Amino acid sequence: NGGICGRRAFIGRFILRAFGIPTTARPSRGHGALCHWTLNHGWKVNLGGNWGAGWTKTLYRKDVDFLDTTKARKDKEGYWKVKRAQWIGDVLDETRVYGAHDKAKPGFWYGLSLKTQQAIIGAQRKVPAVEPINGKSTMAQRALQSPVQPGAKKVCYKDDGEIVIPAAGYANPGRTKDVHVMTSFRGGLQIYLPPFKAQGKTIMRGGTWKQDADGCSSGARLLSGGYGKYHDWGFRVALAGGGGDSTCRSKEMTLELPDTDQCIELVYINPGEFVMGGENTSDGRFSCVEVPKHKVQITTGYYLGKYPVTQAQYKAIMGTNPSKSTKAPDCPVDNIGENDALEFCNKVTEVAGRDVRLPTEAEWEYACRAGGGDTKWFFGDDPADLGEYAWIKDNSGGKSHPVGQKKPNPFGIYDMYGNVCERISDKYAKDYYAKSPATNPTGPSAGIKSSFVYKVKVPNSGRYSLTARIVTVNFNQRLNVAVNGCEIAMKLPFTCGDWKECEPVELVLKQGENMIKFWRDQPPQYGLVVKDFTLKRAN
């Protein structure tokens, strides 16, 4: 039955049918799946790729042929023409061909039935205009119907030297990707930059209560394969340390979680240098390459959770406790997937007003080694003392334990080895250690999205401040800008659905024409709307 996914799809079909919901198998290569009928949206795919990725156990060779027929059947009168053509084809002994992807070539009448079917589907795609509600147009209707002025894309040069750049007026419209121009509710145009997430598998660090000493070493890495969450997988959070003199910064911080009885304790980690890496030279379903060992410098201080996130903390923010190992408020939360950890960080950021995130792999390992050398554990290469600092296979009794019961490392951080392994923000690439930057590595690049360019002329060379009028739907958003060989990131505020200007960044422009390039990277990034950019001569 195709392993786990096949059995799940098989049982899923019977559950759906028990409630009177039409369903059929919709397998794809290497994966068992199903599809089921919905009243408002027709056939929907479960447990697999979208339509076009598989087939159905029906008369149709490809799943999209099955889908086309179900769409055409919505037009009951029109579909009679399809059936009549098929019946005539049967009388004339034509080969039955029910879809465009069938291997057999259709005869005249079956070919006519397919053309008629496509014509019906094509007519359905022509969405009729939405009628006004109670005789009044909605805001969306008024925006879509309002004419766009001819100058909506032209850069505006004001008498006081201010330059307003319409977001829709980028200079490379034929070479952009993931940039959508649309009518703005407040007149004119705006651009929409869609969300994107990092692709690939994440990495777990620290080992677990199920592993031996070697699996709980400073350089040990675990690939988040399989289901993506297990009963010994957890996480701890990090927080930017901010600028300024680190010697004046509090060694520890308590982050209160409003409207709960919980808080998160964090320890400040000073910048420093260490040797990163482990022993493993091959990868597999759950294993990672850990070589070569290489020097890494952390140039900015940060806060790291004193303990892994507990079940009480997680439930206070998320409302649920998914843990499957020891169920106890002070035990580390487990059974945590990547999205679970990211959503927790986002929600804590919202309620606490601080930029909470997962640590990078380099931040995690630097803190784990307590800034030490390249030994297996921060205290050396002999595992004899590991039991004083960690819950591992030899002493855990086959379960997780409350946080903070073992000794902390020299940085004052608990449970870095064992108990639950911990999620970090980096994605995995087999050869990344061999080519990673020596300073503040953050994992393999996720690529560039939503790249666009503006041509702007300035009367005088010098420093200019740049702001953007935006709408965002989340924290931790950024938009990169580059001009004349310099790059800088614009940090975007959470605007709660309203237009707001971001904090200005400074650009150095040359007299005459400048090419100002924008793009997004470092996922996850959420949907972003930009109305315009404003340049002002810096004082």
Protein backbone atom coordinates (compact mmCIF):
# COMPACT_ATOMS: atom_id res chain seq x y z
CA ASN A 1 0.00 0.00 0.00
CA GLY A 2 2.87 2.40 -0.57
CA GLY A 3 4.20 2.56 2.97
CA ILE A 4 2.81 5.07 5.47
CA CYS A 5 1.33 7.53 2.96
CA GLY A 6 -0.44 4.78 1.00
CA ARG A 7 -2.10 3.36 4.09
CA ARG A 8 -3.09 6.84 5.26
CA ALA A 9 -4.71 7.61 1.90
CA PHE A 10 -6.42 4.20 1.85
CA ILE A 11 -7.95 4.69 5.31
CA GLY A 12 -8.70 8.34 4.55
CA ARG A 13 -10.92 7.37 1.61
CA PHE A 14 -13.03 5.12 3.83
CA ILE A 15 -13.38 7.82 6.51
CA LEU A 16 -14.56 10.35 3.91
CA ARG A 17 -17.02 7.89 2.41
CA ALA A 18 -18.39 7.14 5.89
CA PHE A 19 -19.51 10.77 5.98
CA GLY A 20 -20.95 10.61 2.46
CA ILE A 21 -18.12 12.57 0.84
CA PRO A 22 -17.12 11.42 -2.68
CA THR A 23 -13.46 10.45 -2.88
CA THR A 24 -11.01 8.55 -5.06
CA ALA A 25 -7.35 7.56 -4.99
CA ARG A 26 -4.98 10.08 -6.57
CA PRO A 27 -1.50 8.54 -6.32
CA SER A 28 1.67 10.10 -7.70
CA ARG A 29 5.13 8.66 -8.31
CA GLY A 30 6.50 7.42 -4.97
CA HIS A 31 3.55 8.77 -3.00
CA GLY A 32 0.06 7.62 -2.09
CA ALA A 33 -2.63 10.31 -2.01
CA LEU A 34 -6.33 10.92 -2.43
CA CYS A 35 -8.75 13.59 -3.57
CA HIS A 36 -12.23 14.39 -2.30
CA TRP A 37 -15.21 16.45 -3.38
CA THR A 38 -16.07 19.80 -1.78
CA LEU A 39 -19.34 21.59 -2.28
CA ASN A 40 -17.93 25.02 -3.19
CA HIS A 41 -14.60 24.20 -4.81
CA GLY A 42 -15.05 20.84 -6.53
CA TRP A 43 -12.35 18.18 -6.23
CA LYS A 44 -9.48 18.90 -3.81
CA VAL A 45 -6.20 17.02 -3.44
CA ASN A 46 -5.07 15.62 -0.08
CA LEU A 47 -1.67 14.21 0.89
CA GLY A 48 0.28 14.98 -2.25
CA GLY A 49 1.22 17.35 -5.03
CA ASN A 50 -1.45 19.42 -6.75
CA TRP A 51 -3.37 18.47 -9.89
CA GLY A 52 -1.02 17.33 -12.63
CA ALA A 53 1.32 15.49 -10.27
CA GLY A 54 -0.39 12.09 -10.40
CA TRP A 55 -3.22 9.96 -11.74
CA THR A 56 -6.56 8.53 -10.60
CA LYS A 57 -7.86 5.01 -10.40
CA THR A 58 -10.56 5.78 -12.96
CA LEU A 59 -11.01 5.76 -16.75
CA TYR A 60 -8.54 8.63 -17.06
CA ARG A 61 -4.80 8.24 -17.61
CA LYS A 62 -3.90 11.54 -15.89
CA ASP A 63 -5.54 13.17 -12.90
CA VAL A 64 -6.07 16.46 -14.80
CA ASP A 65 -8.26 14.62 -17.35
CA PHE A 66 -10.45 13.40 -14.50
CA LEU A 67 -10.57 16.94 -13.11
CA ASP A 68 -11.52 18.43 -16.52
CA THR A 69 -14.49 16.10 -16.83
CA THR A 70 -15.78 16.99 -13.35
CA LYS A 71 -15.50 20.71 -14.21
CA ALA A 72 -17.37 20.30 -17.49
CA ARG A 73 -20.16 18.32 -15.77
CA LYS A 74 -21.10 21.47 -13.82
CA ASP A 75 -22.73 22.70 -17.05
CA LYS A 76 -25.47 20.06 -17.19
CA GLU A 77 -26.96 21.25 -20.48
CA GLY A 78 -23.61 21.77 -22.19
CA TYR A 79 -22.25 18.40 -21.05
CA TRP A 80 -24.98 16.56 -22.96
CA LYS A 81 -23.11 17.62 -26.13
CA VAL A 82 -19.97 15.88 -24.81
CA LYS A 83 -21.89 12.68 -24.09
CA ARG A 84 -23.73 12.66 -27.43
CA ALA A 85 -20.41 12.92 -29.29
CA GLN A 86 -19.04 10.01 -27.24
CA TRP A 87 -22.13 7.88 -27.92
CA ILE A 88 -21.85 8.46 -31.68
CA GLY A 89 -18.17 7.51 -31.42
CA ASP A 90 -19.19 4.26 -29.68
CA VAL A 91 -21.70 3.44 -32.46
CA LEU A 92 -18.93 3.97 -35.04
CA ASP A 93 -16.58 1.77 -32.97
CA GLU A 94 -14.07 4.53 -32.17
CA THR A 95 -11.52 3.96 -29.38
CA ARG A 96 -12.74 5.52 -26.17
CA VAL A 97 -10.49 8.47 -25.28
CA TYR A 98 -11.59 10.44 -22.21
CA GLY A 99 -8.77 12.96 -21.84
CA ALA A 100 -6.17 15.00 -23.69
CA HIS A 101 -3.37 13.02 -22.02
CA ASP A 102 -4.57 9.60 -23.17
CA LYS A 103 -1.99 7.61 -25.15
CA ALA A 104 -4.51 6.69 -27.85
CA LYS A 105 -5.34 9.20 -30.61
CA PRO A 106 -9.06 10.04 -30.55
CA GLY A 107 -11.30 9.53 -33.56
CA PHE A 108 -13.44 12.32 -34.98
CA TRP A 109 -16.34 12.08 -32.53
CA TYR A 110 -14.28 11.46 -29.39
CA GLY A 111 -11.99 14.30 -30.51
CA LEU A 112 -15.08 16.52 -30.86
CA SER A 113 -16.20 15.53 -27.36
CA LEU A 114 -12.83 16.66 -25.92
CA LYS A 115 -12.98 19.98 -27.80
CA THR A 116 -16.53 20.56 -26.58
CA GLN A 117 -15.47 19.77 -23.02
CA GLN A 118 -12.59 22.29 -23.19
CA ALA A 119 -14.94 24.95 -24.57
CA ILE A 120 -17.24 24.45 -21.57
CA ILE A 121 -14.31 24.79 -19.14
CA GLY A 122 -13.05 27.88 -21.00
CA ALA A 123 -16.44 29.54 -20.65
CA GLN A 124 -16.37 28.86 -16.89
CA ARG A 125 -13.08 30.78 -16.57
CA LYS A 126 -14.72 33.98 -17.78
CA VAL A 127 -15.75 35.34 -14.39
CA PRO A 128 -18.73 37.69 -14.63
CA ALA A 129 -18.44 41.20 -13.20
CA VAL A 130 -19.44 41.46 -9.55
CA GLU A 131 -22.66 43.38 -9.12
CA PRO A 132 -22.76 46.20 -6.55
CA ILE A 133 -24.12 45.23 -3.13
CA ASN A 134 -27.38 47.03 -2.32
CA GLY A 135 -26.68 49.38 -5.22
CA LYS A 136 -23.30 50.47 -3.78
CA SER A 137 -19.87 49.47 -5.02
CA THR A 138 -17.40 47.94 -2.57
CA MET A 139 -13.98 49.48 -1.93
CA ALA A 140 -12.39 46.75 -4.05
CA GLN A 141 -14.76 47.44 -6.94
CA ARG A 142 -14.13 51.17 -6.79
CA ALA A 143 -10.36 50.60 -6.73
CA LEU A 144 -10.44 48.25 -9.71
CA GLN A 145 -12.77 50.50 -11.70
CA SER A 146 -10.90 53.75 -10.99
CA PRO A 147 -8.78 54.94 -13.93
CA VAL A 148 -5.01 54.99 -13.51
CA GLN A 149 -3.48 58.36 -14.28
CA PRO A 150 -0.85 58.42 -17.06
CA GLY A 151 1.80 59.71 -14.65
CA ALA A 152 1.24 57.00 -12.02
CA LYS A 153 4.60 55.41 -12.83
CA LYS A 154 6.68 58.56 -13.26
CA VAL A 155 9.26 59.68 -10.70
CA CYS A 156 8.18 62.99 -9.12
CA TYR A 157 10.86 65.65 -8.53
CA LYS A 158 9.60 68.29 -6.07
CA ASP A 159 10.79 71.88 -5.71
CA ASP A 160 12.22 71.25 -2.23
CA GLY A 161 14.51 68.51 -3.60
CA GLU A 162 12.37 65.60 -2.42
CA ILE A 163 12.08 62.74 -4.93
CA VAL A 164 9.07 60.39 -4.83
CA ILE A 165 9.50 57.12 -6.71
CA PRO A 166 6.20 55.25 -7.48
CA ALA A 167 6.76 51.61 -6.61
CA ALA A 168 5.07 50.54 -9.89
CA GLY A 169 7.51 52.60 -11.96
CA TYR A 170 10.44 50.18 -11.89
CA ALA A 171 12.71 50.25 -14.91
CA ASN A 172 12.90 46.51 -15.68
CA PRO A 173 9.26 45.32 -16.07
CA GLY A 174 10.16 42.55 -18.49
CA ARG A 175 12.84 41.07 -16.23
CA THR A 176 11.15 41.04 -12.85
CA LYS A 177 9.83 38.01 -11.05
CA ASP A 178 7.52 37.90 -8.05
CA VAL A 179 6.61 41.59 -8.41
CA HIS A 180 2.92 42.31 -9.08
CA VAL A 181 1.53 45.74 -10.00
CA MET A 182 -2.02 46.42 -8.83
CA THR A 183 -4.48 49.26 -8.36
CA SER A 184 -4.20 50.91 -4.95
CA PHE A 185 -7.24 51.55 -2.73
CA ARG A 186 -6.06 55.14 -2.29
CA GLY A 187 -5.59 55.81 -5.97
CA GLY A 188 -2.71 55.17 -8.30
CA LEU A 189 -0.73 51.93 -8.28
CA GLN A 190 1.17 49.78 -5.80
CA ILE A 191 3.30 46.65 -5.99
CA TYR A 192 2.80 43.40 -4.14
CA LEU A 193 5.76 41.16 -3.25
CA PRO A 194 4.49 37.66 -2.42
CA PRO A 195 5.67 35.61 0.57
CA PHE A 196 8.32 32.94 0.31
CA LYS A 197 9.81 30.34 2.62
CA ALA A 198 13.21 28.68 2.75
CA GLN A 199 13.33 25.36 0.93
CA GLY A 200 15.06 22.25 2.19
CA LYS A 201 15.52 20.39 5.43
CA THR A 202 16.49 21.99 8.70
CA ILE A 203 19.15 20.89 11.18
CA MET A 204 18.80 19.77 14.79
CA ARG A 205 21.56 20.20 17.36
CA GLY A 206 22.57 18.89 20.79
CA GLY A 207 21.40 15.29 20.67
CA THR A 208 18.55 13.76 22.69
CA TRP A 209 17.72 11.55 25.64
CA LYS A 210 17.64 8.62 23.17
CA GLN A 211 21.21 9.03 21.91
CA ASP A 212 24.62 7.99 23.17
CA ALA A 213 27.43 10.38 24.11
CA ASP A 214 28.78 10.75 20.56
CA GLY A 215 25.35 11.80 19.29
CA CYS A 216 25.23 14.53 21.95
CA SER A 217 28.58 16.17 21.19
CA SER A 218 29.13 19.84 20.41
CA GLY A 219 29.57 19.24 16.68
CA ALA A 220 26.89 16.55 16.20
CA ARG A 221 24.15 17.42 13.69
CA LEU A 222 20.82 15.71 13.01
CA LEU A 223 18.91 16.18 9.76
CA SER A 224 15.17 16.78 10.20
CA GLY A 225 14.06 13.97 7.88
CA GLY A 226 11.15 11.58 8.23
CA TYR A 227 7.95 13.24 9.46
CA GLY A 228 9.71 16.48 10.39
CA LYS A 229 8.82 16.20 14.09
CA TYR A 230 9.41 13.55 16.75
CA HIS A 231 8.96 13.08 20.50
CA ASP A 232 12.54 14.15 21.25
CA TRP A 233 12.70 17.25 19.02
CA GLY A 234 12.37 20.68 20.65
CA PHE A 235 13.96 24.13 20.41
CA ARG A 236 15.20 27.19 22.30
CA VAL A 237 14.93 30.82 21.25
CA ALA A 238 17.38 33.62 20.56
CA LEU A 239 17.17 37.40 20.63
CA ALA A 240 19.33 40.07 19.02
CA GLY A 241 21.65 41.74 21.52
CA GLY A 242 21.51 45.16 19.88
CA GLY A 243 24.41 47.55 19.36
CA GLY A 244 26.51 49.44 21.85
CA ASP A 245 29.07 48.35 24.42
CA SER A 246 28.47 44.70 25.35
CA THR A 247 30.27 45.17 28.69
CA CYS A 248 27.40 47.42 29.81
CA ARG A 249 24.73 44.91 28.85
CA SER A 250 22.87 42.76 31.36
CA LYS A 251 24.28 39.24 31.57
CA GLU A 252 20.77 37.81 31.77
CA MET A 253 17.34 38.93 30.59
CA THR A 254 13.83 37.86 31.50
CA LEU A 255 11.28 38.17 28.73
CA GLU A 256 7.80 38.42 30.22
CA LEU A 257 4.94 36.85 28.27
CA PRO A 258 1.98 39.22 28.79
CA ASP A 259 -1.35 37.78 29.97
CA THR A 260 0.35 34.56 31.07
CA ASP A 261 2.18 33.39 34.17
CA GLN A 262 5.21 32.47 32.07
CA CYS A 263 8.47 34.15 31.13
CA ILE A 264 11.55 33.20 29.10
CA GLU A 265 15.00 33.55 30.68
CA LEU A 266 17.87 34.40 28.33
CA VAL A 267 21.65 34.67 28.71
CA TYR A 268 23.76 37.25 26.87
CA ILE A 269 26.48 35.71 24.68
CA ASN A 270 29.45 37.98 23.96
CA PRO A 271 31.01 38.02 20.47
CA GLY A 272 33.93 35.67 19.93
CA GLU A 273 35.68 33.06 17.78
CA PHE A 274 35.55 29.27 17.88
CA VAL A 275 36.18 26.12 15.83
CA MET A 276 32.95 24.75 14.32
CA GLY A 277 32.32 21.21 13.13
CA GLY A 278 32.24 17.55 14.13
CA GLU A 279 33.36 14.12 12.96
CA ASN A 280 30.77 12.70 10.55
CA THR A 281 31.78 12.64 6.86
CA SER A 282 28.58 11.39 5.17
CA ASP A 283 24.88 12.22 5.16
CA GLY A 284 21.72 10.14 5.17
CA ARG A 285 18.07 10.29 6.14
CA PHE A 286 18.86 11.79 9.56
CA SER A 287 22.62 12.36 9.44
CA CYS A 288 24.61 15.38 8.23
CA VAL A 289 28.15 16.01 7.05
CA GLU A 290 30.00 17.68 9.95
CA VAL A 291 33.34 18.42 8.29
CA PRO A 292 35.60 20.19 7.66
CA LYS A 293 36.18 21.84 11.01
CA HIS A 294 36.58 25.54 10.44
CA LYS A 295 37.08 28.77 12.36
CA VAL A 296 34.01 30.98 12.76
CA GLN A 297 33.77 34.47 14.20
CA ILE A 298 30.59 35.79 15.83
CA THR A 299 30.89 39.56 15.64
CA THR A 300 27.62 40.59 17.32
CA GLY A 301 26.43 39.64 20.77
CA TYR A 302 23.02 37.99 21.21
CA TYR A 303 20.75 36.50 23.84
CA LEU A 304 20.08 32.75 23.92
CA GLY A 305 17.44 30.91 25.93
CA LYS A 306 18.81 29.73 29.26
CA TYR A 307 16.73 26.56 28.83
CA PRO A 308 14.90 24.86 25.98
CA VAL A 309 11.33 26.12 25.56
CA THR A 310 9.16 24.30 28.10
CA GLN A 311 5.72 22.79 27.64
CA ALA A 312 4.22 25.46 29.91
CA GLN A 313 5.77 28.29 27.85
CA TYR A 314 4.67 26.74 24.58
CA LYS A 315 1.10 26.14 25.75
CA ALA A 316 0.84 29.68 27.14
CA ILE A 317 1.60 31.11 23.69
CA MET A 318 0.19 28.50 21.30
CA GLY A 319 -2.72 27.16 23.34
CA THR A 320 -1.70 23.52 22.86
CA ASN A 321 0.95 21.10 24.06
CA PRO A 322 1.99 18.66 21.29
CA SER A 323 4.55 16.82 23.43
CA LYS A 324 4.63 13.01 23.30
CA SER A 325 7.47 12.21 25.72
CA THR A 326 7.17 13.18 29.39
CA LYS A 327 4.07 15.37 29.81
CA ALA A 328 5.00 17.98 32.41
CA PRO A 329 4.94 21.81 32.41
CA ASP A 330 8.66 22.13 33.19
CA CYS A 331 9.82 19.51 30.67
CA PRO A 332 10.99 20.71 27.26
CA VAL A 333 8.24 20.83 24.66
CA ASP A 334 8.78 18.12 22.05
CA ASN A 335 7.23 16.89 18.81
CA ILE A 336 8.02 20.30 17.31
CA GLY A 337 8.15 20.85 13.55
CA GLU A 338 9.90 23.73 11.83
CA ASN A 339 6.68 25.71 11.35
CA ASP A 340 5.71 25.15 14.99
CA ALA A 341 8.97 26.70 16.19
CA LEU A 342 8.75 29.64 13.77
CA GLU A 343 5.14 30.35 14.67
CA PHE A 344 6.00 30.33 18.38
CA CYS A 345 8.79 32.85 17.78
CA ASN A 346 6.47 35.08 15.74
CA LYS A 347 3.76 35.04 18.39
CA VAL A 348 6.21 35.79 21.21
CA THR A 349 7.54 38.66 19.11
CA GLU A 350 4.00 40.04 18.82
CA VAL A 351 3.12 39.82 22.52
CA ALA A 352 6.52 40.71 23.97
CA GLY A 353 7.57 43.35 21.44
CA ARG A 354 11.06 41.86 20.98
CA ASP A 355 12.54 40.21 17.89
CA VAL A 356 12.46 36.57 19.04
CA ARG A 357 13.81 33.98 16.60
CA LEU A 358 15.61 30.65 16.31
CA PRO A 359 19.40 30.82 16.74
CA THR A 360 21.63 30.28 13.73
CA GLU A 361 23.65 27.08 13.76
CA ALA A 362 26.85 29.04 14.41
CA GLU A 363 25.26 30.91 17.34
CA TRP A 364 24.03 27.65 18.79
CA GLU A 365 27.36 25.82 18.53
CA TYR A 366 29.37 28.80 19.82
CA ALA A 367 27.14 28.91 22.91
CA CYS A 368 27.28 25.12 23.27
CA ARG A 369 31.08 25.10 23.22
CA ALA A 370 31.04 28.08 25.60
CA GLY A 371 33.52 29.75 23.25
CA GLY A 372 35.93 26.84 23.69
CA GLY A 373 38.13 24.84 21.35
CA ASP A 374 37.41 21.97 18.98
CA THR A 375 36.96 19.18 21.57
CA LYS A 376 33.87 16.96 21.49
CA TRP A 377 32.37 18.65 24.53
CA PHE A 378 33.22 21.98 26.09
CA PHE A 379 34.99 20.14 28.95
CA GLY A 380 37.16 17.91 26.69
CA ASP A 381 37.04 14.64 24.74
CA ASP A 382 36.34 12.24 27.62
CA PRO A 383 32.58 11.51 27.93
CA ALA A 384 32.92 10.41 31.56
CA ASP A 385 31.60 13.75 32.87
CA LEU A 386 28.80 14.16 30.31
CA GLY A 387 26.17 12.77 32.67
CA GLU A 388 26.64 15.77 34.95
CA TYR A 389 25.49 18.08 32.13
CA ALA A 390 23.09 16.03 30.02
CA TRP A 391 20.21 13.56 29.90
CA ILE A 392 21.33 10.94 27.39
CA LYS A 393 20.59 7.29 26.64
CA ASP A 394 22.63 6.01 29.59
CA ASN A 395 20.83 8.01 32.30
CA SER A 396 17.49 9.26 30.93
CA GLY A 397 15.39 6.18 31.56
CA GLY A 398 13.97 6.49 28.06
CA LYS A 399 12.24 9.85 28.49
CA SER A 400 12.76 13.60 28.67
CA HIS A 401 13.30 15.40 31.98
CA PRO A 402 12.51 18.86 33.43
CA VAL A 403 14.88 21.56 32.19
CA GLY A 404 17.70 22.88 34.37
CA GLN A 405 18.27 19.76 36.49
CA LYS A 406 21.80 19.18 35.21
CA LYS A 407 24.78 21.52 35.48
CA PRO A 408 25.00 24.53 33.14
CA ASN A 409 27.93 25.09 30.81
CA PRO A 410 30.41 27.95 31.52
CA PHE A 411 28.11 30.41 29.71
CA GLY A 412 25.33 29.59 32.18
CA ILE A 413 23.16 27.68 29.69
CA TYR A 414 21.41 24.43 30.57
CA ASP A 415 20.57 21.28 28.58
CA MET A 416 22.67 22.11 25.52
CA TYR A 417 23.58 18.42 25.40
CA GLY A 418 20.84 15.78 25.44
CA ASN A 419 17.23 15.94 26.71
CA VAL A 420 15.69 17.16 23.40
CA CYS A 421 17.61 18.11 20.28
CA GLU A 422 17.07 21.70 19.24
CA ARG A 423 15.99 23.39 16.04
CA ILE A 424 18.13 26.11 14.53
CA SER A 425 17.35 28.47 11.65
CA ASP A 426 19.86 27.14 9.06
CA LYS A 427 18.93 24.85 6.19
CA TYR A 428 21.16 21.89 5.32
CA ALA A 429 23.57 21.61 2.40
CA LYS A 430 26.12 18.82 2.24
CA ASP A 431 29.02 21.04 1.22
CA TYR A 432 28.15 24.16 3.23
CA TYR A 433 30.88 23.75 5.88
CA ALA A 434 33.48 23.64 3.11
CA LYS A 435 32.49 27.03 1.73
CA SER A 436 30.65 28.86 4.52
CA PRO A 437 31.73 32.40 5.41
CA ALA A 438 34.12 32.78 8.32
CA THR A 439 32.01 35.56 9.86
CA ASN A 440 28.44 35.14 11.14
CA PRO A 441 27.37 32.26 8.84
CA THR A 442 23.61 31.80 8.54
CA GLY A 443 23.35 28.70 6.37
CA PRO A 444 23.07 28.16 2.61
CA SER A 445 21.57 31.03 0.64
CA ALA A 446 17.88 30.70 -0.12
CA GLY A 447 18.26 32.81 -3.24
CA ILE A 448 16.84 36.19 -4.20
CA LYS A 449 13.16 37.00 -4.73
CA SER A 450 11.25 40.04 -6.00
CA SER A 451 14.14 41.88 -7.68
CA PHE A 452 13.39 45.25 -9.32
CA VAL A 453 15.30 48.41 -10.33
CA TYR A 454 14.58 52.15 -10.58
CA LYS A 455 16.39 54.82 -12.60
CA VAL A 456 16.62 58.04 -10.58
CA LYS A 457 18.41 61.27 -11.46
CA VAL A 458 19.69 63.56 -8.70
CA PRO A 459 21.01 67.08 -9.21
CA ASN A 460 23.87 66.73 -6.74
CA SER A 461 25.99 63.88 -5.49
CA GLY A 462 25.97 63.09 -1.77
CA ARG A 463 24.08 61.33 1.01
CA TYR A 464 20.33 60.79 0.70
CA SER A 465 17.83 59.20 3.11
CA LEU A 466 15.46 56.62 1.64
CA THR A 467 12.10 55.57 3.09
CA ALA A 468 9.33 53.30 1.80
CA ARG A 469 5.56 53.57 2.32
CA ILE A 470 4.47 50.00 2.98
CA VAL A 471 1.92 47.58 4.39
CA THR A 472 3.25 44.46 6.14
CA VAL A 473 1.50 41.55 7.84
CA ASN A 474 4.26 40.38 10.17
CA PHE A 475 7.43 41.27 12.03
CA ASN A 476 10.99 40.57 10.88
CA GLN A 477 10.48 41.74 7.28
CA ARG A 478 13.21 43.36 5.23
CA LEU A 479 13.83 44.82 1.80
CA ASN A 480 17.38 45.05 0.50
CA VAL A 481 18.59 48.04 -1.52
CA ALA A 482 21.84 48.52 -3.46
CA VAL A 483 23.24 51.49 -5.36
CA ASN A 484 26.71 52.40 -6.58
CA GLY A 485 28.31 49.31 -5.09
CA CYS A 486 26.83 49.64 -1.58
CA GLU A 487 24.14 47.42 -0.06
CA ILE A 488 21.90 47.94 2.97
CA ALA A 489 18.76 46.30 4.37
CA MET A 490 15.62 48.31 5.07
CA LYS A 491 14.00 46.87 8.20
CA LEU A 492 10.23 47.02 7.82
CA PRO A 493 7.84 47.51 10.75
CA PHE A 494 4.70 45.47 11.35
CA THR A 495 2.06 47.96 10.12
CA CYS A 496 -1.06 46.10 11.28
CA GLY A 497 -2.63 46.56 7.83
CA ASP A 498 -2.10 50.34 7.60
CA TRP A 499 0.23 52.37 5.40
CA LYS A 500 3.39 53.35 7.29
CA GLU A 501 6.82 54.64 6.43
CA CYS A 502 9.80 52.53 7.42
CA GLU A 503 12.84 53.91 9.19
CA PRO A 504 15.14 55.70 6.72
CA VAL A 505 18.38 54.21 5.41
CA GLU A 506 21.20 56.28 3.97
CA LEU A 507 22.35 55.98 0.36
CA VAL A 508 25.28 57.68 -1.37
CA LEU A 509 24.18 58.81 -4.83
CA LYS A 510 26.19 60.24 -7.68
CA GLN A 511 25.17 63.29 -9.70
CA GLY A 512 22.96 62.33 -12.64
CA GLU A 513 21.37 58.92 -13.17
CA ASN A 514 21.54 56.22 -10.48
CA MET A 515 20.31 52.64 -10.72
CA ILE A 516 18.69 51.70 -7.39
CA LYS A 517 18.07 47.97 -7.04
CA PHE A 518 15.73 46.29 -4.52
CA TRP A 519 15.28 42.62 -3.66
CA ARG A 520 14.26 40.26 -0.87
CA ASP A 521 16.11 37.33 0.70
CA GLN A 522 16.49 35.59 4.08
CA PRO A 523 13.17 33.74 4.33
CA PRO A 524 10.67 33.44 5.78
CA GLN A 525 9.37 36.67 4.26
CA TYR A 526 5.67 37.45 4.18
CA GLY A 527 3.50 39.36 1.73
CA LEU A 528 4.52 43.01 1.35
CA VAL A 529 2.83 45.96 -0.39
CA VAL A 530 4.84 49.05 -1.40
CA LYS A 531 3.19 52.29 -2.51
CA ASP A 532 6.27 54.45 -3.12
CA PHE A 533 9.82 55.33 -2.07
CA THR A 534 10.97 58.79 -1.01
CA LEU A 535 14.48 60.22 -1.31
CA LYS A 536 15.55 63.30 0.68
CA ARG A 537 18.91 65.01 0.82
CA ALA A 538 20.53 64.05 4.15
CA ASN A 539 21.50 66.86 6.51
